[in-house]
Amino acid sequence: MDYAVFDAEYLARLRHRDQETEMHFTAYFSNAIGLKLRNRVRAKHLIDEIRQDTFARVLKFLQSGQTIQYPERFGAFVQAVCTNVMLETMRREAMHPQAGEEPSDPPDHRVRFDTDIVTAERKQAVREVLAEMTKKESTLLRLVYLEEVDRAEICKRFKVDPDYLRVLIHRAKAKFRETVRKKDFDDRLQ
């Protein structure tokens, strides 16, 4: 839909329930509101509810005789109403979750993405890169990223404080990247 310019006449037509103007209003703002809510609200039924409530509140505001001081900023007004409705709805949903909602699909713990999906070629490339590094660097990267050992435990093992551990990890990652480029493994590790 083309960019619309809002003015006092447009708002007056909405106030007097002009059907064509109301249809334009809902069509024009449906997409904008949908895009805004899509990134903030997961449930489609809530997006539809917020959109409809936004339209109802804006129309009720206009039909109550109240005026918008700057008609050219009508789009921002509608978006602000939408934000308020969204926050109210999300607060209400958090306080009173619907009992009839379908339970979320529990994660399948049988599939371990880090071991089941990673190809043998990538594993071999990582092994080769780690073999090129010093024992300290490769051990550090294995503990942090492959074995996911607690950082406090790694600090004890390497006899360093947490701040210096970050430095060691940063250097080891830089060395890993350098070795990947040197061995031309960029394609294999993507």
N, C-alpha and C. Protein backbone atom coordinates (compact mmCIF):
# COMPACT_ATOMS: atom_id res chain seq x y z
N MET A 1 0.85 -1.17 0.00
CA MET A 1 0.00 0.00 0.00
C MET A 1 0.90 1.23 0.00
N ASP A 2 0.51 2.24 -0.72
CA ASP A 2 1.28 3.47 -0.83
C ASP A 2 1.32 4.20 0.51
N TYR A 3 2.35 5.02 0.65
CA TYR A 3 2.49 5.87 1.82
C TYR A 3 1.32 6.83 1.87
N ALA A 4 0.70 6.96 3.02
CA ALA A 4 -0.49 7.82 3.15
C ALA A 4 -0.12 9.10 3.90
N VAL A 5 -0.71 10.17 3.48
CA VAL A 5 -0.55 11.45 4.17
C VAL A 5 -1.83 11.68 4.96
N PHE A 6 -1.69 11.86 6.25
CA PHE A 6 -2.85 12.05 7.11
C PHE A 6 -3.02 13.54 7.38
N ASP A 7 -4.28 13.96 7.38
CA ASP A 7 -4.59 15.36 7.65
C ASP A 7 -5.89 15.43 8.45
N ALA A 8 -6.31 16.63 8.75
CA ALA A 8 -7.51 16.82 9.57
C ALA A 8 -8.75 16.26 8.88
N GLU A 9 -8.81 16.37 7.54
CA GLU A 9 -9.96 15.83 6.80
C GLU A 9 -10.06 14.32 6.96
N TYR A 10 -8.92 13.65 6.84
CA TYR A 10 -8.89 12.18 6.99
C TYR A 10 -9.42 11.78 8.37
N LEU A 11 -8.93 12.47 9.40
CA LEU A 11 -9.37 12.16 10.76
C LEU A 11 -10.84 12.48 10.95
N ALA A 12 -11.33 13.53 10.31
CA ALA A 12 -12.76 13.87 10.40
C ALA A 12 -13.60 12.78 9.75
N ARG A 13 -13.15 12.26 8.62
CA ARG A 13 -13.89 11.16 7.97
C ARG A 13 -13.91 9.92 8.86
N LEU A 14 -12.79 9.64 9.54
CA LEU A 14 -12.77 8.51 10.48
C LEU A 14 -13.72 8.77 11.64
N ARG A 15 -13.71 9.98 12.14
CA ARG A 15 -14.57 10.35 13.26
C ARG A 15 -16.04 10.16 12.90
N HIS A 16 -16.40 10.47 11.64
CA HIS A 16 -17.79 10.36 11.19
C HIS A 16 -18.10 8.99 10.56
N ARG A 17 -17.19 8.03 10.79
CA ARG A 17 -17.38 6.62 10.40
C ARG A 17 -17.57 6.44 8.90
N ASP A 18 -16.83 7.18 8.10
CA ASP A 18 -16.85 6.99 6.66
C ASP A 18 -16.28 5.59 6.37
N GLN A 19 -17.09 4.76 5.73
CA GLN A 19 -16.73 3.36 5.55
C GLN A 19 -15.47 3.19 4.71
N GLU A 20 -15.34 3.95 3.65
CA GLU A 20 -14.16 3.84 2.79
C GLU A 20 -12.89 4.25 3.55
N THR A 21 -12.98 5.28 4.35
CA THR A 21 -11.83 5.74 5.13
C THR A 21 -11.48 4.72 6.21
N GLU A 22 -12.49 4.14 6.84
CA GLU A 22 -12.22 3.10 7.84
C GLU A 22 -11.54 1.89 7.20
N MET A 23 -11.97 1.51 6.02
CA MET A 23 -11.34 0.38 5.32
C MET A 23 -9.89 0.72 4.99
N HIS A 24 -9.64 1.94 4.52
CA HIS A 24 -8.27 2.36 4.24
C HIS A 24 -7.42 2.33 5.51
N PHE A 25 -7.98 2.85 6.60
CA PHE A 25 -7.28 2.89 7.88
C PHE A 25 -6.85 1.50 8.32
N THR A 26 -7.79 0.56 8.31
CA THR A 26 -7.44 -0.80 8.76
C THR A 26 -6.48 -1.49 7.80
N ALA A 27 -6.66 -1.30 6.51
CA ALA A 27 -5.76 -1.92 5.54
C ALA A 27 -4.36 -1.32 5.65
N TYR A 28 -4.29 -0.02 5.79
CA TYR A 28 -3.01 0.68 5.85
C TYR A 28 -2.21 0.27 7.08
N PHE A 29 -2.87 0.20 8.23
CA PHE A 29 -2.13 -0.06 9.46
C PHE A 29 -2.03 -1.54 9.82
N SER A 30 -2.79 -2.42 9.17
CA SER A 30 -2.71 -3.85 9.48
C SER A 30 -1.31 -4.38 9.27
N ASN A 31 -0.72 -4.06 8.14
CA ASN A 31 0.62 -4.57 7.84
C ASN A 31 1.67 -3.98 8.78
N ALA A 32 1.61 -2.67 9.00
CA ALA A 32 2.60 -2.01 9.87
C ALA A 32 2.53 -2.56 11.29
N ILE A 33 1.33 -2.72 11.79
CA ILE A 33 1.17 -3.26 13.14
C ILE A 33 1.60 -4.72 13.18
N GLY A 34 1.23 -5.47 12.13
CA GLY A 34 1.64 -6.87 12.08
C GLY A 34 3.15 -7.02 12.09
N LEU A 35 3.86 -6.19 11.33
CA LEU A 35 5.32 -6.25 11.31
C LEU A 35 5.91 -5.91 12.68
N LYS A 36 5.35 -4.92 13.30
CA LYS A 36 5.83 -4.52 14.62
C LYS A 36 5.64 -5.65 15.63
N LEU A 37 4.46 -6.25 15.61
CA LEU A 37 4.14 -7.28 16.61
C LEU A 37 4.81 -8.61 16.32
N ARG A 38 5.08 -8.89 15.07
CA ARG A 38 5.67 -10.18 14.70
C ARG A 38 6.99 -10.41 15.43
N ASN A 39 7.75 -9.36 15.65
CA ASN A 39 9.04 -9.49 16.33
C ASN A 39 8.93 -9.46 17.85
N ARG A 40 7.74 -9.12 18.36
CA ARG A 40 7.61 -8.97 19.81
C ARG A 40 6.64 -9.97 20.44
N VAL A 41 5.71 -10.48 19.65
CA VAL A 41 4.67 -11.37 20.18
C VAL A 41 4.71 -12.68 19.40
N ARG A 42 4.78 -13.78 20.10
CA ARG A 42 4.90 -15.09 19.44
C ARG A 42 3.56 -15.65 18.95
N ALA A 43 2.54 -15.48 19.74
CA ALA A 43 1.26 -16.12 19.44
C ALA A 43 0.46 -15.32 18.41
N LYS A 44 0.07 -15.98 17.32
CA LYS A 44 -0.66 -15.31 16.25
C LYS A 44 -2.00 -14.77 16.74
N HIS A 45 -2.67 -15.52 17.61
CA HIS A 45 -3.97 -15.05 18.09
C HIS A 45 -3.82 -13.76 18.91
N LEU A 46 -2.70 -13.60 19.61
CA LEU A 46 -2.47 -12.37 20.36
C LEU A 46 -2.17 -11.20 19.41
N ILE A 47 -1.46 -11.47 18.33
CA ILE A 47 -1.19 -10.42 17.34
C ILE A 47 -2.51 -9.91 16.78
N ASP A 48 -3.40 -10.83 16.41
CA ASP A 48 -4.71 -10.42 15.87
C ASP A 48 -5.52 -9.66 16.92
N GLU A 49 -5.46 -10.13 18.16
CA GLU A 49 -6.21 -9.47 19.24
C GLU A 49 -5.68 -8.05 19.47
N ILE A 50 -4.37 -7.90 19.50
CA ILE A 50 -3.77 -6.58 19.73
C ILE A 50 -4.10 -5.64 18.57
N ARG A 51 -4.03 -6.16 17.35
CA ARG A 51 -4.34 -5.34 16.17
C ARG A 51 -5.78 -4.83 16.23
N GLN A 52 -6.71 -5.73 16.50
CA GLN A 52 -8.12 -5.34 16.56
C GLN A 52 -8.40 -4.36 17.69
N ASP A 53 -7.79 -4.60 18.84
CA ASP A 53 -7.98 -3.71 19.98
C ASP A 53 -7.39 -2.33 19.69
N THR A 54 -6.27 -2.30 18.99
CA THR A 54 -5.65 -1.02 18.60
C THR A 54 -6.60 -0.23 17.71
N PHE A 55 -7.14 -0.89 16.68
CA PHE A 55 -8.08 -0.22 15.78
C PHE A 55 -9.30 0.29 16.55
N ALA A 56 -9.83 -0.54 17.43
CA ALA A 56 -11.03 -0.15 18.19
C ALA A 56 -10.75 1.06 19.08
N ARG A 57 -9.60 1.06 19.73
CA ARG A 57 -9.28 2.18 20.63
C ARG A 57 -9.05 3.48 19.86
N VAL A 58 -8.36 3.38 18.72
CA VAL A 58 -8.11 4.60 17.93
C VAL A 58 -9.44 5.16 17.44
N LEU A 59 -10.30 4.29 16.90
CA LEU A 59 -11.59 4.77 16.39
C LEU A 59 -12.46 5.32 17.52
N LYS A 60 -12.44 4.66 18.67
CA LYS A 60 -13.22 5.14 19.82
C LYS A 60 -12.71 6.51 20.27
N PHE A 61 -11.38 6.67 20.28
CA PHE A 61 -10.79 7.95 20.66
C PHE A 61 -11.27 9.05 19.72
N LEU A 62 -11.22 8.79 18.42
CA LEU A 62 -11.62 9.81 17.44
C LEU A 62 -13.12 10.09 17.52
N GLN A 63 -13.92 9.04 17.70
CA GLN A 63 -15.37 9.21 17.70
C GLN A 63 -15.88 9.80 19.01
N SER A 64 -15.03 9.84 20.02
CA SER A 64 -15.43 10.45 21.29
C SER A 64 -15.36 11.97 21.23
N GLY A 65 -14.86 12.48 20.11
CA GLY A 65 -14.78 13.92 19.95
C GLY A 65 -13.43 14.50 20.30
N GLN A 66 -12.54 13.67 20.81
CA GLN A 66 -11.20 14.16 21.13
C GLN A 66 -10.44 14.39 19.82
N THR A 67 -9.49 15.30 19.85
CA THR A 67 -8.75 15.61 18.64
C THR A 67 -7.28 15.27 18.80
N ILE A 68 -6.66 15.03 17.68
CA ILE A 68 -5.23 14.81 17.63
C ILE A 68 -4.62 16.14 17.22
N GLN A 69 -3.74 16.66 18.04
CA GLN A 69 -3.20 18.00 17.83
C GLN A 69 -2.47 18.11 16.50
N TYR A 70 -1.73 17.08 16.12
CA TYR A 70 -0.96 17.10 14.87
C TYR A 70 -1.43 15.93 13.99
N PRO A 71 -2.41 16.16 13.13
CA PRO A 71 -2.95 15.07 12.30
C PRO A 71 -1.89 14.39 11.43
N GLU A 72 -0.87 15.14 11.03
CA GLU A 72 0.17 14.54 10.19
C GLU A 72 0.98 13.49 10.94
N ARG A 73 0.84 13.44 12.27
CA ARG A 73 1.53 12.44 13.09
C ARG A 73 0.59 11.31 13.52
N PHE A 74 -0.47 11.14 12.78
CA PHE A 74 -1.47 10.12 13.10
C PHE A 74 -0.85 8.72 13.14
N GLY A 75 0.08 8.43 12.22
CA GLY A 75 0.73 7.12 12.20
C GLY A 75 1.45 6.82 13.49
N ALA A 76 2.15 7.82 14.02
CA ALA A 76 2.86 7.64 15.29
C ALA A 76 1.87 7.43 16.44
N PHE A 77 0.74 8.12 16.38
CA PHE A 77 -0.31 7.94 17.39
C PHE A 77 -0.82 6.50 17.39
N VAL A 78 -1.10 5.98 16.19
CA VAL A 78 -1.60 4.60 16.08
C VAL A 78 -0.54 3.62 16.61
N GLN A 79 0.72 3.84 16.27
CA GLN A 79 1.78 2.94 16.75
C GLN A 79 1.93 3.01 18.27
N ALA A 80 1.76 4.20 18.84
CA ALA A 80 1.84 4.34 20.30
C ALA A 80 0.69 3.61 20.98
N VAL A 81 -0.51 3.72 20.41
CA VAL A 81 -1.66 2.99 20.95
C VAL A 81 -1.39 1.49 20.86
N CYS A 82 -0.84 1.07 19.74
CA CYS A 82 -0.51 -0.35 19.55
C CYS A 82 0.48 -0.82 20.62
N THR A 83 1.50 -0.04 20.88
CA THR A 83 2.49 -0.41 21.89
C THR A 83 1.82 -0.55 23.26
N ASN A 84 0.96 0.40 23.61
CA ASN A 84 0.27 0.32 24.90
C ASN A 84 -0.62 -0.91 25.00
N VAL A 85 -1.36 -1.20 23.93
CA VAL A 85 -2.22 -2.39 23.91
C VAL A 85 -1.37 -3.65 24.03
N MET A 86 -0.25 -3.69 23.31
CA MET A 86 0.62 -4.85 23.36
C MET A 86 1.13 -5.07 24.79
N LEU A 87 1.60 -4.02 25.44
CA LEU A 87 2.11 -4.16 26.80
C LEU A 87 1.02 -4.62 27.76
N GLU A 88 -0.18 -4.06 27.63
CA GLU A 88 -1.30 -4.49 28.48
C GLU A 88 -1.61 -5.97 28.25
N THR A 89 -1.65 -6.37 26.99
CA THR A 89 -1.98 -7.75 26.66
C THR A 89 -0.92 -8.70 27.18
N MET A 90 0.34 -8.35 27.01
CA MET A 90 1.41 -9.23 27.46
C MET A 90 1.43 -9.32 28.99
N ARG A 91 1.15 -8.22 29.65
CA ARG A 91 1.07 -8.24 31.11
C ARG A 91 -0.07 -9.14 31.56
N ARG A 92 -1.22 -9.01 30.90
CA ARG A 92 -2.39 -9.83 31.24
C ARG A 92 -2.09 -11.31 30.99
N GLU A 93 -1.46 -11.61 29.88
CA GLU A 93 -1.13 -13.01 29.56
C GLU A 93 -0.14 -13.59 30.56
N ALA A 94 0.81 -12.77 31.01
CA ALA A 94 1.79 -13.26 31.99
C ALA A 94 1.14 -13.53 33.34
N MET A 95 0.15 -12.69 33.70
CA MET A 95 -0.51 -12.85 34.99
C MET A 95 -1.55 -13.97 34.97
N HIS A 96 -2.20 -14.15 33.83
CA HIS A 96 -3.27 -15.14 33.73
C HIS A 96 -3.08 -15.99 32.48
N PRO A 97 -2.14 -16.92 32.51
CA PRO A 97 -1.95 -17.75 31.32
C PRO A 97 -3.20 -18.57 31.04
N GLN A 98 -3.49 -18.75 29.79
CA GLN A 98 -4.68 -19.50 29.38
C GLN A 98 -4.49 -20.99 29.68
N ALA A 99 -5.44 -21.58 30.38
CA ALA A 99 -5.35 -23.00 30.74
C ALA A 99 -5.51 -23.88 29.52
N GLY A 100 -6.24 -23.43 28.53
CA GLY A 100 -6.51 -24.26 27.37
C GLY A 100 -5.45 -24.18 26.29
N GLU A 101 -4.36 -23.46 26.53
CA GLU A 101 -3.32 -23.37 25.51
C GLU A 101 -2.66 -24.73 25.33
N GLU A 102 -2.24 -24.96 24.10
CA GLU A 102 -1.52 -26.19 23.84
C GLU A 102 -0.16 -26.11 24.52
N PRO A 103 0.28 -27.19 25.14
CA PRO A 103 1.59 -27.15 25.77
C PRO A 103 2.68 -27.01 24.70
N SER A 104 3.74 -26.32 25.06
CA SER A 104 4.82 -26.17 24.09
C SER A 104 5.46 -27.53 23.84
N ASP A 105 5.97 -27.69 22.67
CA ASP A 105 6.61 -28.93 22.27
C ASP A 105 7.91 -29.08 23.04
N PRO A 106 8.03 -30.12 23.87
CA PRO A 106 9.25 -30.25 24.67
C PRO A 106 10.44 -30.55 23.77
N PRO A 107 11.62 -30.10 24.15
CA PRO A 107 12.80 -30.36 23.32
C PRO A 107 13.12 -31.85 23.29
N ASP A 108 13.59 -32.29 22.17
CA ASP A 108 13.98 -33.68 22.00
C ASP A 108 15.44 -33.82 22.41
N HIS A 109 15.66 -34.39 23.59
CA HIS A 109 17.02 -34.49 24.11
C HIS A 109 17.80 -35.63 23.46
N ARG A 110 17.13 -36.44 22.67
CA ARG A 110 17.84 -37.50 21.97
C ARG A 110 18.72 -36.95 20.86
N VAL A 111 18.33 -35.83 20.30
CA VAL A 111 19.12 -35.22 19.24
C VAL A 111 20.07 -34.23 19.87
N ARG A 112 21.35 -34.47 19.70
CA ARG A 112 22.37 -33.54 20.20
C ARG A 112 22.98 -32.89 18.98
N PHE A 113 22.59 -31.66 18.76
CA PHE A 113 23.01 -30.98 17.55
C PHE A 113 24.52 -30.86 17.44
N ASP A 114 25.19 -30.68 18.58
CA ASP A 114 26.63 -30.48 18.52
C ASP A 114 27.37 -31.76 18.13
N THR A 115 26.76 -32.93 18.31
CA THR A 115 27.45 -34.16 17.94
C THR A 115 26.77 -34.92 16.81
N ASP A 116 25.44 -34.86 16.73
CA ASP A 116 24.73 -35.65 15.73
C ASP A 116 24.71 -35.03 14.35
N ILE A 117 24.67 -33.71 14.28
CA ILE A 117 24.49 -33.06 13.00
C ILE A 117 25.81 -32.61 12.38
N VAL A 118 26.78 -32.29 13.21
CA VAL A 118 28.06 -31.84 12.70
C VAL A 118 28.69 -32.96 11.88
N THR A 119 29.13 -32.61 10.71
CA THR A 119 29.67 -33.64 9.81
C THR A 119 31.04 -34.12 10.26
N ALA A 120 31.39 -35.30 9.80
CA ALA A 120 32.69 -35.87 10.12
C ALA A 120 33.81 -35.01 9.55
N GLU A 121 33.55 -34.39 8.41
CA GLU A 121 34.56 -33.54 7.78
C GLU A 121 34.86 -32.33 8.66
N ARG A 122 33.84 -31.73 9.21
CA ARG A 122 34.05 -30.57 10.08
C ARG A 122 34.78 -30.98 11.36
N LYS A 123 34.41 -32.13 11.92
CA LYS A 123 35.08 -32.60 13.12
C LYS A 123 36.57 -32.81 12.84
N GLN A 124 36.86 -33.41 11.70
CA GLN A 124 38.25 -33.66 11.34
C GLN A 124 39.01 -32.35 11.16
N ALA A 125 38.38 -31.37 10.52
CA ALA A 125 39.03 -30.08 10.32
C ALA A 125 39.32 -29.40 11.67
N VAL A 126 38.37 -29.47 12.60
CA VAL A 126 38.60 -28.89 13.93
C VAL A 126 39.75 -29.60 14.63
N ARG A 127 39.78 -30.94 14.53
CA ARG A 127 40.89 -31.69 15.14
C ARG A 127 42.23 -31.25 14.55
N GLU A 128 42.28 -31.08 13.24
CA GLU A 128 43.52 -30.67 12.59
C GLU A 128 43.94 -29.27 13.03
N VAL A 129 43.00 -28.37 13.14
CA VAL A 129 43.32 -27.01 13.57
C VAL A 129 43.81 -27.03 15.01
N LEU A 130 43.13 -27.76 15.88
CA LEU A 130 43.54 -27.82 17.28
C LEU A 130 44.92 -28.46 17.43
N ALA A 131 45.24 -29.43 16.56
CA ALA A 131 46.55 -30.08 16.60
C ALA A 131 47.67 -29.11 16.23
N GLU A 132 47.37 -28.11 15.43
CA GLU A 132 48.36 -27.10 15.02
C GLU A 132 48.64 -26.09 16.13
N MET A 133 47.77 -26.01 17.10
CA MET A 133 47.89 -25.02 18.17
C MET A 133 48.72 -25.58 19.32
N THR A 134 49.13 -24.71 20.23
CA THR A 134 49.87 -25.19 21.40
C THR A 134 48.93 -26.02 22.27
N LYS A 135 49.52 -26.86 23.09
CA LYS A 135 48.72 -27.74 23.95
C LYS A 135 47.83 -26.91 24.87
N LYS A 136 48.37 -25.82 25.42
CA LYS A 136 47.60 -24.97 26.33
C LYS A 136 46.39 -24.36 25.62
N GLU A 137 46.59 -23.83 24.40
CA GLU A 137 45.51 -23.20 23.64
C GLU A 137 44.44 -24.21 23.25
N SER A 138 44.87 -25.35 22.74
CA SER A 138 43.89 -26.35 22.30
C SER A 138 43.12 -26.92 23.49
N THR A 139 43.81 -27.15 24.62
CA THR A 139 43.13 -27.65 25.81
C THR A 139 42.11 -26.64 26.30
N LEU A 140 42.48 -25.36 26.30
CA LEU A 140 41.57 -24.31 26.74
C LEU A 140 40.32 -24.27 25.87
N LEU A 141 40.49 -24.29 24.56
CA LEU A 141 39.33 -24.25 23.67
C LEU A 141 38.45 -25.49 23.83
N ARG A 142 39.09 -26.66 24.01
CA ARG A 142 38.29 -27.88 24.22
C ARG A 142 37.45 -27.78 25.49
N LEU A 143 38.07 -27.31 26.58
CA LEU A 143 37.35 -27.20 27.85
C LEU A 143 36.20 -26.20 27.77
N VAL A 144 36.44 -25.06 27.13
CA VAL A 144 35.43 -24.01 27.08
C VAL A 144 34.30 -24.35 26.12
N TYR A 145 34.64 -24.78 24.90
CA TYR A 145 33.61 -24.91 23.87
C TYR A 145 33.13 -26.33 23.61
N LEU A 146 33.98 -27.31 23.78
CA LEU A 146 33.54 -28.67 23.50
C LEU A 146 33.02 -29.38 24.74
N GLU A 147 33.73 -29.23 25.84
CA GLU A 147 33.32 -29.90 27.07
C GLU A 147 32.47 -29.01 27.96
N GLU A 148 32.44 -27.72 27.67
CA GLU A 148 31.64 -26.74 28.41
C GLU A 148 31.86 -26.82 29.92
N VAL A 149 33.12 -26.89 30.30
CA VAL A 149 33.50 -26.93 31.71
C VAL A 149 33.27 -25.56 32.32
N ASP A 150 32.88 -25.52 33.57
CA ASP A 150 32.62 -24.27 34.28
C ASP A 150 33.88 -23.40 34.27
N ARG A 151 33.68 -22.10 34.05
CA ARG A 151 34.83 -21.17 33.94
C ARG A 151 35.65 -21.14 35.23
N ALA A 152 35.00 -21.27 36.37
CA ALA A 152 35.74 -21.26 37.64
C ALA A 152 36.69 -22.46 37.71
N GLU A 153 36.22 -23.60 37.24
CA GLU A 153 37.06 -24.80 37.22
C GLU A 153 38.25 -24.62 36.27
N ILE A 154 38.01 -23.99 35.14
CA ILE A 154 39.09 -23.76 34.17
C ILE A 154 40.12 -22.80 34.78
N CYS A 155 39.63 -21.77 35.50
CA CYS A 155 40.55 -20.84 36.17
C CYS A 155 41.45 -21.59 37.15
N LYS A 156 40.87 -22.52 37.92
CA LYS A 156 41.68 -23.30 38.87
C LYS A 156 42.70 -24.15 38.13
N ARG A 157 42.26 -24.79 37.05
CA ARG A 157 43.14 -25.68 36.30
C ARG A 157 44.32 -24.92 35.68
N PHE A 158 44.07 -23.71 35.18
CA PHE A 158 45.13 -22.93 34.55
C PHE A 158 45.80 -21.95 35.52
N LYS A 159 45.29 -21.91 36.77
CA LYS A 159 45.84 -21.03 37.81
C LYS A 159 45.85 -19.58 37.37
N VAL A 160 44.66 -19.11 36.91
CA VAL A 160 44.50 -17.71 36.48
C VAL A 160 43.19 -17.18 37.06
N ASP A 161 43.08 -15.85 37.09
CA ASP A 161 41.81 -15.26 37.54
C ASP A 161 40.87 -15.14 36.34
N PRO A 162 39.56 -14.91 36.58
CA PRO A 162 38.58 -14.87 35.49
C PRO A 162 38.89 -13.81 34.42
N ASP A 163 39.43 -12.66 34.83
CA ASP A 163 39.76 -11.63 33.84
C ASP A 163 40.84 -12.11 32.88
N TYR A 164 41.86 -12.75 33.43
CA TYR A 164 42.94 -13.22 32.56
C TYR A 164 42.48 -14.42 31.73
N LEU A 165 41.54 -15.20 32.26
CA LEU A 165 41.00 -16.31 31.47
C LEU A 165 40.36 -15.78 30.19
N ARG A 166 39.63 -14.66 30.28
CA ARG A 166 39.03 -14.07 29.08
C ARG A 166 40.10 -13.70 28.06
N VAL A 167 41.24 -13.20 28.54
CA VAL A 167 42.34 -12.85 27.65
C VAL A 167 42.88 -14.11 26.97
N LEU A 168 43.06 -15.17 27.75
CA LEU A 168 43.57 -16.43 27.18
C LEU A 168 42.61 -17.00 26.14
N ILE A 169 41.31 -16.94 26.44
CA ILE A 169 40.32 -17.45 25.49
C ILE A 169 40.34 -16.61 24.22
N HIS A 170 40.41 -15.30 24.39
CA HIS A 170 40.46 -14.41 23.22
C HIS A 170 41.67 -14.74 22.34
N ARG A 171 42.81 -14.90 22.95
CA ARG A 171 44.03 -15.22 22.19
C ARG A 171 43.92 -16.58 21.52
N ALA A 172 43.37 -17.56 22.23
CA ALA A 172 43.23 -18.90 21.65
C ALA A 172 42.27 -18.89 20.47
N LYS A 173 41.18 -18.14 20.59
CA LYS A 173 40.23 -18.04 19.47
C LYS A 173 40.88 -17.35 18.27
N ALA A 174 41.66 -16.31 18.54
CA ALA A 174 42.35 -15.61 17.46
C ALA A 174 43.33 -16.57 16.77
N LYS A 175 44.05 -17.36 17.56
CA LYS A 175 44.99 -18.33 16.99
C LYS A 175 44.23 -19.39 16.18
N PHE A 176 43.07 -19.82 16.68
CA PHE A 176 42.24 -20.79 15.96
C PHE A 176 41.84 -20.22 14.60
N ARG A 177 41.34 -18.98 14.60
CA ARG A 177 40.93 -18.34 13.33
C ARG A 177 42.10 -18.20 12.37
N GLU A 178 43.25 -17.81 12.92
CA GLU A 178 44.45 -17.66 12.09
C GLU A 178 44.84 -18.99 11.46
N THR A 179 44.79 -20.04 12.25
CA THR A 179 45.15 -21.37 11.75
C THR A 179 44.14 -21.84 10.71
N VAL A 180 42.86 -21.54 10.92
CA VAL A 180 41.83 -21.90 9.93
C VAL A 180 42.14 -21.24 8.60
N ARG A 181 42.46 -19.93 8.66
CA ARG A 181 42.79 -19.22 7.40
C ARG A 181 44.05 -19.76 6.76
N LYS A 182 45.07 -20.03 7.60
CA LYS A 182 46.35 -20.51 7.08
C LYS A 182 46.19 -21.87 6.40
N LYS A 183 45.38 -22.74 6.99
CA LYS A 183 45.17 -24.08 6.42
C LYS A 183 44.07 -24.08 5.37
N ASP A 184 43.45 -22.90 5.15
CA ASP A 184 42.39 -22.75 4.15
C ASP A 184 41.21 -23.69 4.44
N PHE A 185 40.79 -23.71 5.72
CA PHE A 185 39.68 -24.54 6.15
C PHE A 185 38.38 -23.76 6.23
N ASP A 186 38.36 -22.52 5.78
CA ASP A 186 37.16 -21.68 5.91
C ASP A 186 35.92 -22.39 5.37
N ASP A 187 36.03 -23.02 4.21
CA ASP A 187 34.87 -23.69 3.61
C ASP A 187 34.44 -24.91 4.41
N ARG A 188 35.39 -25.65 4.96
CA ARG A 188 35.07 -26.87 5.69
C ARG A 188 34.41 -26.59 7.04
N LEU A 189 34.69 -25.42 7.62
CA LEU A 189 34.16 -25.10 8.94
C LEU A 189 32.97 -24.19 8.92
N GLN A 190 32.39 -23.90 7.78
CA GLN A 190 31.20 -23.04 7.68
C GLN A 190 29.98 -23.80 8.09
